[in-house]
Each structure stands twice: as C-alpha cells, then as structure tokens.
Amino acid sequence: MSKNLALSIFLIALLTQNHNIFLVTEAAGSRNNGGFITTRGVHFMLNGSPYYANGFNAYWLMLLASDPSQRHKVSSAFQEASSRGLSVARTWAFSDGGATPLQYSPGSYNEQMFKGLDFVVAEARRYGIKLILSMVNNYENLGGRKQYVNWARNQGQYLSSDDDFYTNPVAKGFYKNHVKAVLTRYNTLTGVMYKNDPTIMAWELINEPRCTSDTSGRTIQAWITEMAAHVKSIDGNHLLEAGLEGFYGKSSSQNPGFNIGTDFISNNQIPGIDFATVHSYPDQWLTNYDDQSQLNFLNSWLRTHIRDAQFVLKKPLLLTEFGKSVKDPNFSTYKRDQLFNMVYNNIYLSAKHGGAAAGGLFWQLLAEGMDSFGDGYSIVLSQGSSTVNIIGQQGKRLYQIRKIFARMRNVERWKKARAARREQWLSWKRGVKPIGN
C-alpha cells in the first residue's frame, strides 16, 4: 500500500470518527438541560456552551403547589412555558408569617408549604426549566422585611423602622437561618438537597432591596456583602444575585427620580455576586410621561445597563422583571408588544454579538383559572395573543444563538483533534524506515 493511500485512509477514518463525536455531542447537548449554570466572563454557561434565559416570573408557584388540588396549575404553567421556549422561572422561596406562611416564626416552618416548594422544583426539572429562588421581600407582601423586624421586636429588640432589617443582628440572624433552611432542604420528591440541585439556576438575596433611611448606599452595600458571603459559605454550586432593580448611586443622573440606597455598580461588584439584574417599569416610574417617552427611557435604561455590565462589571446581565399593565388608561396590546419587542431586541442584539445581556423574564405568568392573582401585568400563554407570539419567537432566537455557539465550540474541538491526529500520523511517518534499502 502506498504511503499516500495509507494517509488518505487514516484521515478519512479520523474525519468519520470525529464527525460522529460531533453529532453525538450536539445531540446530547440538545437534550441535556441538567447541569449547573455557571458564568464565564459576561456569559452564562451550561454544559460548556453560552446559555440564554428567556423566562418569566411566577411568584405564586409555591403557594399553589402547597395545595395538592391546585398543583395542576403549576404543571400547566411549566408545560405551556416550556413549549414556547421559556427556560427560566423566578419565584419566591419565602412566605413570612401571615395566613399562608412558609415560616410561621423564626426557624419554625410549615411543612406543607415546604412540600409545595419541593413540588415546584421537581416539576421545573421535569419540564427542563431552571429556577431563580428569592429569599425575602423588600415589601410587606408575604411578610418581607417588616415581618423580620417585628419578629426581632418580639425578642426585645428596639427597632425604629423596617430598614433596621439590614443592620440589626437579631433580624439578620433570622434571615441567615432562613437561607440555611432553604439551601439545606432535602426535597421530599427528588431526594436531592436544594444546594445540590442543578434545577436551581440561582439564589436571589432579596426582591428589590431599598433603604431610604440611608441613601448613601453604605447600609445595603454592607448587607449584601455579609449575606453573599453567608450564602457562598453554604452553597458553592449555585449562582447568586442581589435582586436589584438597577438604580444607580446617589450622584447618578440615570435614575428616574429614585434615590433608594442601592447602586447598580458597587452592589454588583461585591464578591459572591455572580451576575447583575435590572427591572424596568416605565409605566410605574414615569407616570407623567407619554408612551413614546417611556419607550425612549426604556431603550436608554437597557443599553446603559448592558454596557455597564459588559465593560464595568464584566458579568452577565438579566432583566429579571419587566412588563406593561392593562390598568394603564392608554393600554393596548399593540403598546405592550412595542415594549416587549424593545426589551427582546436589545437582549437579542447584545447576545448575538457576544454581549452581556443574557435574557429577560417578564412579569408575570399565570395559568388558566387564576384571575384573582391578576395585577394588570399577567399573561396566560394558553390564551394566545400577539404578545405570546413575541415571547415564543424570542425563545427561538436565543436558542438559535446557543446552537451556533455550541456548533462553533464542537467544530473547534474537531479541528484540534484532527490537527493532533495528523501530527501523530506525520510523526509515525517520519519514523518509518523505507523497505528494501
């Protein structure tokens, strides 16, 4: 056999082998949504490829899942979401005191409610949906900071305002204990401890932290620093975010009239905070502006945060809440579609060019028969609308970007393998002595 023919056969075999490896890897990647999401620079990563989150908020998941007769609504919401390319759900892992508590009192838990959260995590896994779980509310809804302060008062602490949640050692201790209880919870349905479950994408320290008694930002900066370290001391698997709305510090002109003691830059530079978040509600924040002015603000707000996440923070950015309310006197589906398109286009263009924007989660998703949970922002996917079509199309666009990156990665691997095998062949060839001389 001639040397050229032998080389040709060798390379054909190599190409066939590596092409098959590429196909197997690609097929496995398309099925496997089960790894932990990590970060690399400004990107989320899953199973070695950039990950983009088209998602939704559904704060009510645990509450309904705690009632077995209502669990079908959770399953229906996940099924409808998954079928339309939605891959991330943000929800509450808290309900402090009140009529439907997860936590009756500090350290005392309602097992039926916790089993509801177990069901949410198990169903999310079933439908290939990642979860962002928030640990406490800034507001009084479902307890929040106010409940922790009241619990501390019941222990003899003198607290003058709800902002003492961020500084009082007793209140902070109650919060830390809750974090530990959730992270170390064994799921009664899957048998997996929450901190070891890759169904969970990330923990959120608090929904929309605000501290108006200290607009310098020092109080929230210190609290996030302390609590981020606490979470990471328990759980080294999951990502962590602070829960910010995206308002900049006191001296910034970017804020729409808000000065609430947070700072998008410094808060997200804290060690342990893995990615940045931003919310946007122009219809709430700019009530005296017309629709076009609100859209102009939204466009600038998104671009500014995407740029700062990419070049200053150098971390991924998620728009974790946005929407437009039907309660607006001038509401129309067309205007809501305009807002969704603007959000999604900014995310898509950034992602397409390797930027920091990694996805958007609209507020909020409901299942059929949940009219009492409506707040003006609700979307029921099964009812269909032009907005639902836009949501589904965004899922397809982000999935295609991920597929392109995955193929690029595998082609690069194939090329490296081919080069290595060729070098092996050439080394072997150089070492062969001609026969008959």
Foldseek 3Di string as FASTA:
>chain_A
DDPVVVVVVLLVVLLVVLVVVLVVVLVVVVPDLFAAWAWDFLFIDDPHFGAFALAAEDQCQLVQLLDVVRNVFLLQLLQLCLVLQGAEYEYEPFQEDDDRGQANAQPRGDVSSVLSVLSNLVSSVVSNHAYEYEQFECDCGSHGLVNLVVNVVVVVDDDDDSLCCLPDPSSLVSSLSSLLCQQQDQRPVPRDRNLPGSSYAEYEHYAADFAQVDLQLPSVLVSLLVVLVSNCVRHVRHAYAHNHQADAGDPDPLDLPDRGNHHQQSSCLRPNHQAGEHEAELCVSVVVDDLVVSLVSVLVSLVVVQVCCVPPVSYAYEHEEYFYFPPNPPDDVVSRQVNLVSVLVSLLVQVLVVTNYRYYYYPHEGEPPPVVPDDRGYDHLVVDDVNNVSSSVSSVSSVVSRSVRSSVVSVVVSVVSSVVVVVVSVVVVVVDDDPPD
